[in-house]
Amino acid sequence: MASSKTREITITESKGAFSILKKGFLSKQDFDFEGLSALRRLLSNEKARMLHVLKTQHPDSIYTLAKKLGRNFKTVNDDIKLLERFGFIELIEEKTKNRIRHKPELLIDSLTINLKI
């Protein structure tokens, strides 16, 4: 692997509540949260399993990924959209016969979370 690809998420305390702001990939409004619940959703065990399968097995479509995980296609697709939004993965369009499939590709190999109080 050429170089380490890291995403950074900063959690800040403001007036007794935490807010989360992702730096360095997309615009600020794409990464503002209300509280830590969004971070919990982003860093769930199911998404960790998904990232591991993407890294080790390189599935050729979201459908194949769902089968490898033994999960429902819709829930895997929803998780993929969230991971894509935060720059963890990218969906590559590929034409196969008369269909277009989306191949999920892992973009990062590290995540840094900073907590500022």
PDB file of N, CA and C in Angstrom:
ATOM      1  N   MET A   1       0.844  -1.176   0.000  1.00  0.00           N
ATOM      2  CA  MET A   1       0.000   0.000   0.000  1.00  0.00           C
ATOM      3  C   MET A   1       0.888   1.237   0.000  1.00  0.00           C
ATOM      4  N   ALA A   2       0.594   2.191  -0.846  1.00  0.00           N
ATOM      5  CA  ALA A   2       1.444   3.352  -1.047  1.00  0.00           C
ATOM      6  C   ALA A   2       1.544   4.234   0.191  1.00  0.00           C
ATOM      7  N   SER A   3       0.469   4.889   0.554  1.00  0.00           N
ATOM      8  CA  SER A   3       0.508   5.762   1.724  1.00  0.00           C
ATOM      9  C   SER A   3      -0.755   5.575   2.544  1.00  0.00           C
ATOM     10  N   SER A   4      -0.662   5.931   3.802  1.00  0.00           N
ATOM     11  CA  SER A   4      -1.792   5.804   4.710  1.00  0.00           C
ATOM     12  C   SER A   4      -2.836   6.865   4.382  1.00  0.00           C
ATOM     13  N   LYS A   5      -4.086   6.450   4.310  1.00  0.00           N
ATOM     14  CA  LYS A   5      -5.187   7.373   4.044  1.00  0.00           C
ATOM     15  C   LYS A   5      -5.998   7.482   5.316  1.00  0.00           C
ATOM     16  N   THR A   6      -5.959   8.650   5.952  1.00  0.00           N
ATOM     17  CA  THR A   6      -6.580   8.849   7.254  1.00  0.00           C
ATOM     18  C   THR A   6      -7.683   9.886   7.153  1.00  0.00           C
ATOM     19  N   ARG A   7      -8.797   9.636   7.814  1.00  0.00           N
ATOM     20  CA  ARG A   7      -9.859  10.618   7.989  1.00  0.00           C
ATOM     21  C   ARG A   7      -9.797  11.084   9.429  1.00  0.00           C
ATOM     22  N   GLU A   8     -10.162  12.340   9.656  1.00  0.00           N
ATOM     23  CA  GLU A   8     -10.133  12.896  11.006  1.00  0.00           C
ATOM     24  C   GLU A   8     -11.500  13.432  11.360  1.00  0.00           C
ATOM     25  N   ILE A   9     -11.981  13.075  12.535  1.00  0.00           N
ATOM     26  CA  ILE A   9     -13.239  13.588  13.070  1.00  0.00           C
ATOM     27  C   ILE A   9     -12.922  14.258  14.397  1.00  0.00           C
ATOM     28  N   THR A  10     -13.371  15.485  14.570  1.00  0.00           N
ATOM     29  CA  THR A  10     -13.128  16.212  15.808  1.00  0.00           C
ATOM     30  C   THR A  10     -14.446  16.376  16.550  1.00  0.00           C
ATOM     31  N   ILE A  11     -14.437  16.018  17.826  1.00  0.00           N
ATOM     32  CA  ILE A  11     -15.602  16.174  18.692  1.00  0.00           C
ATOM     33  C   ILE A  11     -15.299  17.344  19.628  1.00  0.00           C
ATOM     34  N   THR A  12     -16.173  18.335  19.638  1.00  0.00           N
ATOM     35  CA  THR A  12     -15.948  19.498  20.494  1.00  0.00           C
ATOM     36  C   THR A  12     -17.103  19.663  21.469  1.00  0.00           C
ATOM     37  N   GLU A  13     -16.798  20.204  22.628  1.00  0.00           N
ATOM     38  CA  GLU A  13     -17.804  20.481  23.643  1.00  0.00           C
ATOM     39  C   GLU A  13     -18.205  21.940  23.508  1.00  0.00           C
ATOM     40  N   SER A  14     -19.502  22.184  23.498  1.00  0.00           N
ATOM     41  CA  SER A  14     -20.004  23.549  23.399  1.00  0.00           C
ATOM     42  C   SER A  14     -21.278  23.667  24.217  1.00  0.00           C
ATOM     43  N   LYS A  15     -21.234  24.478  25.258  1.00  0.00           N
ATOM     44  CA  LYS A  15     -22.401  24.744  26.103  1.00  0.00           C
ATOM     45  C   LYS A  15     -23.008  23.464  26.661  1.00  0.00           C
ATOM     46  N   GLY A  16     -22.173  22.549  27.107  1.00  0.00           N
ATOM     47  CA  GLY A  16     -22.649  21.338  27.763  1.00  0.00           C
ATOM     48  C   GLY A  16     -23.065  20.212  26.840  1.00  0.00           C
ATOM     49  N   ALA A  17     -22.795  20.337  25.533  1.00  0.00           N
ATOM     50  CA  ALA A  17     -23.145  19.271  24.597  1.00  0.00           C
ATOM     51  C   ALA A  17     -21.986  19.075  23.623  1.00  0.00           C
ATOM     52  N   PHE A  18     -21.863  17.861  23.112  1.00  0.00           N
ATOM     53  CA  PHE A  18     -20.829  17.583  22.134  1.00  0.00           C
ATOM     54  C   PHE A  18     -21.367  17.793  20.733  1.00  0.00           C
ATOM     55  N   SER A  19     -20.542  18.308  19.864  1.00  0.00           N
ATOM     56  CA  SER A  19     -20.865  18.356  18.438  1.00  0.00           C
ATOM     57  C   SER A  19     -19.671  17.785  17.697  1.00  0.00           C
ATOM     58  N   ILE A  20     -19.929  17.241  16.551  1.00  0.00           N
ATOM     59  CA  ILE A  20     -18.891  16.549  15.795  1.00  0.00           C
ATOM     60  C   ILE A  20     -18.699  17.264  14.473  1.00  0.00           C
ATOM     61  N   LEU A  21     -17.450  17.439  14.115  1.00  0.00           N
ATOM     62  CA  LEU A  21     -17.134  18.135  12.885  1.00  0.00           C
ATOM     63  C   LEU A  21     -16.007  17.402  12.196  1.00  0.00           C
ATOM     64  N   LYS A  22     -16.231  17.015  10.967  1.00  0.00           N
ATOM     65  CA  LYS A  22     -15.245  16.278  10.181  1.00  0.00           C
ATOM     66  C   LYS A  22     -14.438  17.282   9.380  1.00  0.00           C
ATOM     67  N   LYS A  23     -13.115  17.150   9.415  1.00  0.00           N
ATOM     68  CA  LYS A  23     -12.255  18.088   8.695  1.00  0.00           C
ATOM     69  C   LYS A  23     -11.540  17.407   7.547  1.00  0.00           C
ATOM     70  N   GLY A  24     -11.297  18.175   6.515  1.00  0.00           N
ATOM     71  CA  GLY A  24     -10.358  17.767   5.497  1.00  0.00           C
ATOM     72  C   GLY A  24     -10.879  16.931   4.341  1.00  0.00           C
ATOM     73  N   PHE A  25     -12.189  16.762   4.177  1.00  0.00           N
ATOM     74  CA  PHE A  25     -12.608  15.969   3.022  1.00  0.00           C
ATOM     75  C   PHE A  25     -13.685  16.688   2.227  1.00  0.00           C
ATOM     76  N   LEU A  26     -14.824  16.949   2.816  1.00  0.00           N
ATOM     77  CA  LEU A  26     -15.886  17.666   2.123  1.00  0.00           C
ATOM     78  C   LEU A  26     -16.167  18.968   2.861  1.00  0.00           C
ATOM     79  N   SER A  27     -17.252  19.632   2.521  1.00  0.00           N
ATOM     80  CA  SER A  27     -17.573  20.882   3.180  1.00  0.00           C
ATOM     81  C   SER A  27     -18.039  20.651   4.618  1.00  0.00           C
ATOM     82  N   LYS A  28     -17.895  21.672   5.431  1.00  0.00           N
ATOM     83  CA  LYS A  28     -18.206  21.570   6.859  1.00  0.00           C
ATOM     84  C   LYS A  28     -19.641  21.131   7.104  1.00  0.00           C
ATOM     85  N   GLN A  29     -20.608  21.631   6.333  1.00  0.00           N
ATOM     86  CA  GLN A  29     -22.001  21.286   6.601  1.00  0.00           C
ATOM     87  C   GLN A  29     -22.295  19.812   6.406  1.00  0.00           C
ATOM     88  N   ASP A  30     -21.492  19.112   5.632  1.00  0.00           N
ATOM     89  CA  ASP A  30     -21.700  17.681   5.435  1.00  0.00           C
ATOM     90  C   ASP A  30     -21.349  16.868   6.674  1.00  0.00           C
ATOM     91  N   PHE A  31     -20.643  17.486   7.638  1.00  0.00           N
ATOM     92  CA  PHE A  31     -20.130  16.710   8.747  1.00  0.00           C
ATOM     93  C   PHE A  31     -20.489  17.268  10.115  1.00  0.00           C
ATOM     94  N   ASP A  32     -21.394  18.199  10.203  1.00  0.00           N
ATOM     95  CA  ASP A  32     -21.849  18.675  11.499  1.00  0.00           C
ATOM     96  C   ASP A  32     -22.911  17.724  12.027  1.00  0.00           C
ATOM     97  N   PHE A  33     -22.858  17.400  13.308  1.00  0.00           N
ATOM     98  CA  PHE A  33     -23.813  16.505  13.932  1.00  0.00           C
ATOM     99  C   PHE A  33     -24.479  17.194  15.103  1.00  0.00           C
ATOM    100  N   GLU A  34     -25.569  16.624  15.528  1.00  0.00           N
ATOM    101  CA  GLU A  34     -26.188  16.973  16.786  1.00  0.00           C
ATOM    102  C   GLU A  34     -25.904  15.826  17.730  1.00  0.00           C
ATOM    103  N   GLY A  35     -24.928  16.000  18.605  1.00  0.00           N
ATOM    104  CA  GLY A  35     -24.619  14.986  19.606  1.00  0.00           C
ATOM    105  C   GLY A  35     -23.792  13.828  19.087  1.00  0.00           C
ATOM    106  N   LEU A  36     -23.576  12.855  19.944  1.00  0.00           N
ATOM    107  CA  LEU A  36     -22.733  11.716  19.627  1.00  0.00           C
ATOM    108  C   LEU A  36     -23.478  10.554  18.985  1.00  0.00           C
ATOM    109  N   SER A  37     -24.791  10.629  18.874  1.00  0.00           N
ATOM    110  CA  SER A  37     -25.543   9.504  18.316  1.00  0.00           C
ATOM    111  C   SER A  37     -25.129   9.211  16.873  1.00  0.00           C
ATOM    112  N   ALA A  38     -24.837  10.244  16.089  1.00  0.00           N
ATOM    113  CA  ALA A  38     -24.413  10.018  14.709  1.00  0.00           C
ATOM    114  C   ALA A  38     -23.056   9.324  14.653  1.00  0.00           C
ATOM    115  N   LEU A  39     -22.164   9.668  15.576  1.00  0.00           N
ATOM    116  CA  LEU A  39     -20.871   8.990  15.612  1.00  0.00           C
ATOM    117  C   LEU A  39     -21.052   7.526  15.989  1.00  0.00           C
ATOM    118  N   ARG A  40     -21.953   7.247  16.913  1.00  0.00           N
ATOM    119  CA  ARG A  40     -22.237   5.850  17.280  1.00  0.00           C
ATOM    120  C   ARG A  40     -22.760   5.066  16.078  1.00  0.00           C
ATOM    121  N   ARG A  41     -23.647   5.690  15.306  1.00  0.00           N
ATOM    122  CA  ARG A  41     -24.167   5.031  14.098  1.00  0.00           C
ATOM    123  C   ARG A  41     -23.050   4.786  13.094  1.00  0.00           C
ATOM    124  N   LEU A  42     -22.164   5.767  12.946  1.00  0.00           N
ATOM    125  CA  LEU A  42     -21.077   5.659  11.987  1.00  0.00           C
ATOM    126  C   LEU A  42     -20.085   4.575  12.379  1.00  0.00           C
ATOM    127  N   LEU A  43     -19.848   4.415  13.676  1.00  0.00           N
ATOM    128  CA  LEU A  43     -18.825   3.488  14.149  1.00  0.00           C
ATOM    129  C   LEU A  43     -19.423   2.239  14.794  1.00  0.00           C
ATOM    130  N   SER A  44     -20.500   1.738  14.248  1.00  0.00           N
ATOM    131  CA  SER A  44     -21.132   0.542  14.802  1.00  0.00           C
ATOM    132  C   SER A  44     -20.320  -0.710  14.465  1.00  0.00           C
ATOM    133  N   ASN A  45     -20.585  -1.789  15.195  1.00  0.00           N
ATOM    134  CA  ASN A  45     -19.902  -3.058  14.926  1.00  0.00           C
ATOM    135  C   ASN A  45     -20.219  -3.583  13.531  1.00  0.00           C
ATOM    136  N   GLU A  46     -21.450  -3.379  13.063  1.00  0.00           N
ATOM    137  CA  GLU A  46     -21.819  -3.841  11.720  1.00  0.00           C
ATOM    138  C   GLU A  46     -21.022  -3.100  10.644  1.00  0.00           C
ATOM    139  N   LYS A  47     -20.803  -1.814  10.850  1.00  0.00           N
ATOM    140  CA  LYS A  47     -20.005  -1.074   9.866  1.00  0.00           C
ATOM    141  C   LYS A  47     -18.541  -1.475   9.943  1.00  0.00           C
ATOM    142  N   ALA A  48     -18.070  -1.814  11.126  1.00  0.00           N
ATOM    143  CA  ALA A  48     -16.693  -2.310  11.268  1.00  0.00           C
ATOM    144  C   ALA A  48     -16.545  -3.631  10.512  1.00  0.00           C
ATOM    145  N   ARG A  49     -17.531  -4.523  10.645  1.00  0.00           N
ATOM    146  CA  ARG A  49     -17.522  -5.782   9.892  1.00  0.00           C
ATOM    147  C   ARG A  49     -17.517  -5.521   8.392  1.00  0.00           C
ATOM    148  N   MET A  50     -18.342  -4.546   7.989  1.00  0.00           N
ATOM    149  CA  MET A  50     -18.446  -4.198   6.578  1.00  0.00           C
ATOM    150  C   MET A  50     -17.103  -3.692   6.047  1.00  0.00           C
ATOM    151  N   LEU A  51     -16.453  -2.807   6.791  1.00  0.00           N
ATOM    152  CA  LEU A  51     -15.158  -2.274   6.375  1.00  0.00           C
ATOM    153  C   LEU A  51     -14.115  -3.387   6.290  1.00  0.00           C
ATOM    154  N   HIS A  52     -14.182  -4.324   7.221  1.00  0.00           N
ATOM    155  CA  HIS A  52     -13.246  -5.454   7.207  1.00  0.00           C
ATOM    156  C   HIS A  52     -13.442  -6.313   5.954  1.00  0.00           C
ATOM    157  N   VAL A  53     -14.689  -6.611   5.615  1.00  0.00           N
ATOM    158  CA  VAL A  53     -14.977  -7.400   4.410  1.00  0.00           C
ATOM    159  C   VAL A  53     -14.530  -6.643   3.164  1.00  0.00           C
ATOM    160  N   LEU A  54     -14.760  -5.332   3.123  1.00  0.00           N
ATOM    161  CA  LEU A  54     -14.308  -4.543   1.977  1.00  0.00           C
ATOM    162  C   LEU A  54     -12.789  -4.602   1.838  1.00  0.00           C
ATOM    163  N   LYS A  55     -12.106  -4.536   2.963  1.00  0.00           N
ATOM    164  CA  LYS A  55     -10.641  -4.544   2.948  1.00  0.00           C
ATOM    165  C   LYS A  55     -10.071  -5.904   2.574  1.00  0.00           C
ATOM    166  N   THR A  56     -10.676  -6.979   3.060  1.00  0.00           N
ATOM    167  CA  THR A  56     -10.083  -8.299   2.891  1.00  0.00           C
ATOM    168  C   THR A  56     -10.640  -9.096   1.712  1.00  0.00           C
ATOM    169  N   GLN A  57     -11.925  -8.882   1.366  1.00  0.00           N
ATOM    170  CA  GLN A  57     -12.544  -9.728   0.343  1.00  0.00           C
ATOM    171  C   GLN A  57     -12.881  -9.000  -0.957  1.00  0.00           C
ATOM    172  N   HIS A  58     -12.852  -7.686  -0.971  1.00  0.00           N
ATOM    173  CA  HIS A  58     -13.067  -6.876  -2.171  1.00  0.00           C
ATOM    174  C   HIS A  58     -14.298  -7.299  -2.975  1.00  0.00           C
ATOM    175  N   PRO A  59     -15.506  -7.232  -2.389  1.00  0.00           N
ATOM    176  CA  PRO A  59     -16.714  -7.624  -3.133  1.00  0.00           C
ATOM    177  C   PRO A  59     -16.920  -6.714  -4.346  1.00  0.00           C
ATOM    178  N   ASP A  60     -17.520  -7.283  -5.406  1.00  0.00           N
ATOM    179  CA  ASP A  60     -17.674  -6.538  -6.650  1.00  0.00           C
ATOM    180  C   ASP A  60     -18.975  -5.738  -6.753  1.00  0.00           C
ATOM    181  N   SER A  61     -19.833  -5.816  -5.717  1.00  0.00           N
ATOM    182  CA  SER A  61     -21.075  -5.051  -5.719  1.00  0.00           C
ATOM    183  C   SER A  61     -21.620  -4.967  -4.291  1.00  0.00           C
ATOM    184  N   ILE A  62     -22.579  -4.083  -4.103  1.00  0.00           N
ATOM    185  CA  ILE A  62     -23.233  -3.963  -2.799  1.00  0.00           C
ATOM    186  C   ILE A  62     -24.000  -5.249  -2.497  1.00  0.00           C
ATOM    187  N   TYR A  63     -24.609  -5.829  -3.517  1.00  0.00           N
ATOM    188  CA  TYR A  63     -25.344  -7.089  -3.351  1.00  0.00           C
ATOM    189  C   TYR A  63     -24.409  -8.196  -2.850  1.00  0.00           C
ATOM    190  N   THR A  64     -23.242  -8.312  -3.478  1.00  0.00           N
ATOM    191  CA  THR A  64     -22.261  -9.325  -3.062  1.00  0.00           C
ATOM    192  C   THR A  64     -21.803  -9.070  -1.633  1.00  0.00           C
ATOM    193  N   LEU A  65     -21.603  -7.811  -1.286  1.00  0.00           N
ATOM    194  CA  LEU A  65     -21.218  -7.455   0.083  1.00  0.00           C
ATOM    195  C   LEU A  65     -22.293  -7.884   1.072  1.00  0.00           C
ATOM    196  N   ALA A  66     -23.553  -7.614   0.742  1.00  0.00           N
ATOM    197  CA  ALA A  66     -24.661  -8.003   1.622  1.00  0.00           C
ATOM    198  C   ALA A  66     -24.681  -9.516   1.824  1.00  0.00           C
ATOM    199  N   LYS A  67     -24.456 -10.280   0.749  1.00  0.00           N
ATOM    200  CA  LYS A  67     -24.424 -11.753   0.850  1.00  0.00           C
ATOM    201  C   LYS A  67     -23.268 -12.213   1.734  1.00  0.00           C
ATOM    202  N   LYS A  68     -22.093 -11.620   1.577  1.00  0.00           N
ATOM    203  CA  LYS A  68     -20.926 -11.997   2.382  1.00  0.00           C
ATOM    204  C   LYS A  68     -21.159 -11.695   3.860  1.00  0.00           C
ATOM    205  N   LEU A  69     -21.907 -10.631   4.143  1.00  0.00           N
ATOM    206  CA  LEU A  69     -22.196 -10.244   5.521  1.00  0.00           C
ATOM    207  C   LEU A  69     -23.399 -10.988   6.102  1.00  0.00           C
ATOM    208  N   GLY A  70     -24.199 -11.622   5.237  1.00  0.00           N
ATOM    209  CA  GLY A  70     -25.419 -12.279   5.693  1.00  0.00           C
ATOM    210  C   GLY A  70     -26.458 -11.282   6.172  1.00  0.00           C
ATOM    211  N   ARG A  71     -26.493 -10.119   5.504  1.00  0.00           N
ATOM    212  CA  ARG A  71     -27.401  -9.041   5.889  1.00  0.00           C
ATOM    213  C   ARG A  71     -28.312  -8.674   4.723  1.00  0.00           C
ATOM    214  N   ASN A  72     -29.391  -7.988   5.038  1.00  0.00           N
ATOM    215  CA  ASN A  72     -30.363  -7.499   4.071  1.00  0.00           C
ATOM    216  C   ASN A  72     -29.714  -6.449   3.157  1.00  0.00           C
ATOM    217  N   PHE A  73     -30.006  -6.508   1.854  1.00  0.00           N
ATOM    218  CA  PHE A  73     -29.430  -5.565   0.892  1.00  0.00           C
ATOM    219  C   PHE A  73     -29.730  -4.122   1.262  1.00  0.00           C
ATOM    220  N   LYS A  74     -30.972  -3.819   1.633  1.00  0.00           N
ATOM    221  CA  LYS A  74     -31.355  -2.428   1.928  1.00  0.00           C
ATOM    222  C   LYS A  74     -30.563  -1.858   3.098  1.00  0.00           C
ATOM    223  N   THR A  75     -30.399  -2.636   4.170  1.00  0.00           N
ATOM    224  CA  THR A  75     -29.663  -2.109   5.330  1.00  0.00           C
ATOM    225  C   THR A  75     -28.176  -1.934   4.991  1.00  0.00           C
ATOM    226  N   VAL A  76     -27.624  -2.851   4.209  1.00  0.00           N
ATOM    227  CA  VAL A  76     -26.228  -2.704   3.783  1.00  0.00           C
ATOM    228  C   VAL A  76     -26.094  -1.472   2.885  1.00  0.00           C
ATOM    229  N   ASN A  77     -27.032  -1.273   1.977  1.00  0.00           N
ATOM    230  CA  ASN A  77     -27.012  -0.107   1.095  1.00  0.00           C
ATOM    231  C   ASN A  77     -27.085   1.188   1.902  1.00  0.00           C
ATOM    232  N   ASP A  78     -27.944   1.239   2.924  1.00  0.00           N
ATOM    233  CA  ASP A  78     -28.040   2.419   3.786  1.00  0.00           C
ATOM    234  C   ASP A  78     -26.718   2.676   4.505  1.00  0.00           C
ATOM    235  N   ASP A  79     -26.097   1.619   5.012  1.00  0.00           N
ATOM    236  CA  ASP A  79     -24.802   1.755   5.692  1.00  0.00           C
ATOM    237  C   ASP A  79     -23.722   2.239   4.720  1.00  0.00           C
ATOM    238  N   ILE A  80     -23.758   1.717   3.494  1.00  0.00           N
ATOM    239  CA  ILE A  80     -22.794   2.127   2.467  1.00  0.00           C
ATOM    240  C   ILE A  80     -22.932   3.623   2.183  1.00  0.00           C
ATOM    241  N   LYS A  81     -24.155   4.102   2.082  1.00  0.00           N
ATOM    242  CA  LYS A  81     -24.386   5.526   1.800  1.00  0.00           C
ATOM    243  C   LYS A  81     -23.798   6.398   2.911  1.00  0.00           C
ATOM    244  N   LEU A  82     -23.961   5.985   4.171  1.00  0.00           N
ATOM    245  CA  LEU A  82     -23.400   6.742   5.291  1.00  0.00           C
ATOM    246  C   LEU A  82     -21.873   6.722   5.238  1.00  0.00           C
ATOM    247  N   LEU A  83     -21.291   5.560   4.996  1.00  0.00           N
ATOM    248  CA  LEU A  83     -19.827   5.454   4.914  1.00  0.00           C
ATOM    249  C   LEU A  83     -19.281   6.255   3.730  1.00  0.00           C
ATOM    250  N   GLU A  84     -20.043   6.295   2.656  1.00  0.00           N
ATOM    251  CA  GLU A  84     -19.630   7.083   1.493  1.00  0.00           C
ATOM    252  C   GLU A  84     -19.681   8.575   1.817  1.00  0.00           C
ATOM    253  N   ARG A  85     -20.726   8.989   2.505  1.00  0.00           N
ATOM    254  CA  ARG A  85     -20.886  10.403   2.877  1.00  0.00           C
ATOM    255  C   ARG A  85     -19.702  10.910   3.685  1.00  0.00           C
ATOM    256  N   PHE A  86     -19.149  10.051   4.534  1.00  0.00           N
ATOM    257  CA  PHE A  86     -18.045  10.463   5.389  1.00  0.00           C
ATOM    258  C   PHE A  86     -16.678  10.135   4.795  1.00  0.00           C
ATOM    259  N   GLY A  87     -16.657   9.726   3.545  1.00  0.00           N
ATOM    260  CA  GLY A  87     -15.394   9.533   2.863  1.00  0.00           C
ATOM    261  C   GLY A  87     -14.647   8.263   3.213  1.00  0.00           C
ATOM    262  N   PHE A  88     -15.339   7.288   3.811  1.00  0.00           N
ATOM    263  CA  PHE A  88     -14.698   6.009   4.137  1.00  0.00           C
ATOM    264  C   PHE A  88     -14.596   5.122   2.901  1.00  0.00           C
ATOM    265  N   ILE A  89     -15.603   5.213   2.042  1.00  0.00           N
ATOM    266  CA  ILE A  89     -15.638   4.386   0.840  1.00  0.00           C
ATOM    267  C   ILE A  89     -16.061   5.228  -0.359  1.00  0.00           C
ATOM    268  N   GLU A  90     -15.882   4.652  -1.535  1.00  0.00           N
ATOM    269  CA  GLU A  90     -16.334   5.259  -2.774  1.00  0.00           C
ATOM    270  C   GLU A  90     -17.065   4.184  -3.564  1.00  0.00           C
ATOM    271  N   LEU A  91     -18.148   4.568  -4.225  1.00  0.00           N
ATOM    272  CA  LEU A  91     -18.878   3.631  -5.073  1.00  0.00           C
ATOM    273  C   LEU A  91     -18.433   3.841  -6.520  1.00  0.00           C
ATOM    274  N   ILE A  92     -17.915   2.777  -7.121  1.00  0.00           N
ATOM    275  CA  ILE A  92     -17.442   2.816  -8.495  1.00  0.00           C
ATOM    276  C   ILE A  92     -18.513   2.188  -9.381  1.00  0.00           C
ATOM    277  N   GLU A  93     -18.992   2.950 -10.377  1.00  0.00           N
ATOM    278  CA  GLU A  93     -19.996   2.412 -11.307  1.00  0.00           C
ATOM    279  C   GLU A  93     -19.320   1.510 -12.329  1.00  0.00           C
ATOM    280  N   GLU A  94     -19.890   0.317 -12.500  1.00  0.00           N
ATOM    281  CA  GLU A  94     -19.393  -0.626 -13.492  1.00  0.00           C
ATOM    282  C   GLU A  94     -20.567  -1.143 -14.309  1.00  0.00           C
ATOM    283  N   LYS A  95     -20.392  -1.185 -15.633  1.00  0.00           N
ATOM    284  CA  LYS A  95     -21.439  -1.736 -16.499  1.00  0.00           C
ATOM    285  C   LYS A  95     -21.230  -3.230 -16.630  1.00  0.00           C
ATOM    286  N   THR A  96     -22.318  -3.980 -16.423  1.00  0.00           N
ATOM    287  CA  THR A  96     -22.303  -5.423 -16.628  1.00  0.00           C
ATOM    288  C   THR A  96     -23.538  -5.772 -17.447  1.00  0.00           C
ATOM    289  N   LYS A  97     -23.334  -6.177 -18.668  1.00  0.00           N
ATOM    290  CA  LYS A  97     -24.426  -6.482 -19.599  1.00  0.00           C
ATOM    291  C   LYS A  97     -25.354  -5.286 -19.696  1.00  0.00           C
ATOM    292  N   ASN A  98     -26.596  -5.415 -19.246  1.00  0.00           N
ATOM    293  CA  ASN A  98     -27.564  -4.319 -19.351  1.00  0.00           C
ATOM    294  C   ASN A  98     -27.763  -3.570 -18.045  1.00  0.00           C
ATOM    295  N   ARG A  99     -26.907  -3.815 -17.071  1.00  0.00           N
ATOM    296  CA  ARG A  99     -27.087  -3.215 -15.754  1.00  0.00           C
ATOM    297  C   ARG A  99     -25.854  -2.413 -15.358  1.00  0.00           C
ATOM    298  N   ILE A 100     -26.063  -1.511 -14.426  1.00  0.00           N
ATOM    299  CA  ILE A 100     -24.956  -0.782 -13.802  1.00  0.00           C
ATOM    300  C   ILE A 100     -24.915  -1.222 -12.350  1.00  0.00           C
ATOM    301  N   ARG A 101     -23.760  -1.683 -11.924  1.00  0.00           N
ATOM    302  CA  ARG A 101     -23.616  -2.045 -10.515  1.00  0.00           C
ATOM    303  C   ARG A 101     -22.627  -1.095  -9.880  1.00  0.00           C
ATOM    304  N   HIS A 102     -22.749  -0.970  -8.567  1.00  0.00           N
ATOM    305  CA  HIS A 102     -21.878  -0.085  -7.804  1.00  0.00           C
ATOM    306  C   HIS A 102     -20.947  -0.920  -6.939  1.00  0.00           C
ATOM    307  N   LYS A 103     -19.669  -0.815  -7.224  1.00  0.00           N
ATOM    308  CA  LYS A 103     -18.657  -1.552  -6.470  1.00  0.00           C
ATOM    309  C   LYS A 103     -18.152  -0.666  -5.331  1.00  0.00           C
ATOM    310  N   PRO A 104     -18.338  -1.099  -4.084  1.00  0.00           N
ATOM    311  CA  PRO A 104     -17.819  -0.301  -2.965  1.00  0.00           C
ATOM    312  C   PRO A 104     -16.309  -0.500  -2.833  1.00  0.00           C
ATOM    313  N   GLU A 105     -15.589   0.604  -2.744  1.00  0.00           N
ATOM    314  CA  GLU A 105     -14.133   0.547  -2.623  1.00  0.00           C
ATOM    315  C   GLU A 105     -13.701   1.335  -1.389  1.00  0.00           C
ATOM    316  N   LEU A 106     -12.905   0.713  -0.553  1.00  0.00           N
ATOM    317  CA  LEU A 106     -12.413   1.323   0.679  1.00  0.00           C
ATOM    318  C   LEU A 106     -11.410   2.417   0.350  1.00  0.00           C
ATOM    319  N   LEU A 107     -11.595   3.615   0.935  1.00  0.00           N
ATOM    320  CA  LEU A 107     -10.711   4.744   0.671  1.00  0.00           C
ATOM    321  C   LEU A 107      -9.717   5.008   1.799  1.00  0.00           C
ATOM    322  N   ILE A 108      -9.995   4.519   2.995  1.00  0.00           N
ATOM    323  CA  ILE A 108      -9.140   4.829   4.138  1.00  0.00           C
ATOM    324  C   ILE A 108      -8.596   3.563   4.768  1.00  0.00           C
ATOM    325  N   ASP A 109      -7.545   3.721   5.534  1.00  0.00           N
ATOM    326  CA  ASP A 109      -7.053   2.604   6.331  1.00  0.00           C
ATOM    327  C   ASP A 109      -6.850   3.023   7.780  1.00  0.00           C
ATOM    328  N   SER A 110      -7.275   4.249   8.101  1.00  0.00           N
ATOM    329  CA  SER A 110      -7.114   4.747   9.460  1.00  0.00           C
ATOM    330  C   SER A 110      -8.151   5.837   9.729  1.00  0.00           C
ATOM    331  N   LEU A 111      -8.593   5.938  10.974  1.00  0.00           N
ATOM    332  CA  LEU A 111      -9.527   6.974  11.402  1.00  0.00           C
ATOM    333  C   LEU A 111      -9.009   7.560  12.702  1.00  0.00           C
ATOM    334  N   THR A 112      -8.902   8.863  12.765  1.00  0.00           N
ATOM    335  CA  THR A 112      -8.471   9.553  13.969  1.00  0.00           C
ATOM    336  C   THR A 112      -9.646  10.334  14.532  1.00  0.00           C
ATOM    337  N   ILE A 113      -9.913  10.144  15.812  1.00  0.00           N
ATOM    338  CA  ILE A 113     -10.983  10.890  16.486  1.00  0.00           C
ATOM    339  C   ILE A 113     -10.342  11.723  17.577  1.00  0.00           C
ATOM    340  N   ASN A 114     -10.552  13.023  17.526  1.00  0.00           N
ATOM    341  CA  ASN A 114     -10.039  13.958  18.518  1.00  0.00           C
ATOM    342  C   ASN A 114     -11.184  14.450  19.374  1.00  0.00           C
ATOM    343  N   LEU A 115     -11.002  14.472  20.670  1.00  0.00           N
ATOM    344  CA  LEU A 115     -12.015  14.959  21.602  1.00  0.00           C
ATOM    345  C   LEU A 115     -11.485  16.218  22.259  1.00  0.00           C
ATOM    346  N   LYS A 116     -12.150  17.360  22.003  1.00  0.00           N
ATOM    347  CA  LYS A 116     -11.743  18.639  22.583  1.00  0.00           C
ATOM    348  C   LYS A 116     -12.770  19.079  23.614  1.00  0.00           C
ATOM    349  N   ILE A 117     -12.306  19.286  24.832  1.00  0.00           N
ATOM    350  CA  ILE A 117     -13.201  19.707  25.905  1.00  0.00           C
ATOM    351  C   ILE A 117     -12.788  21.077  26.396  1.00  0.00           C
TER     352      ILE A 117
END
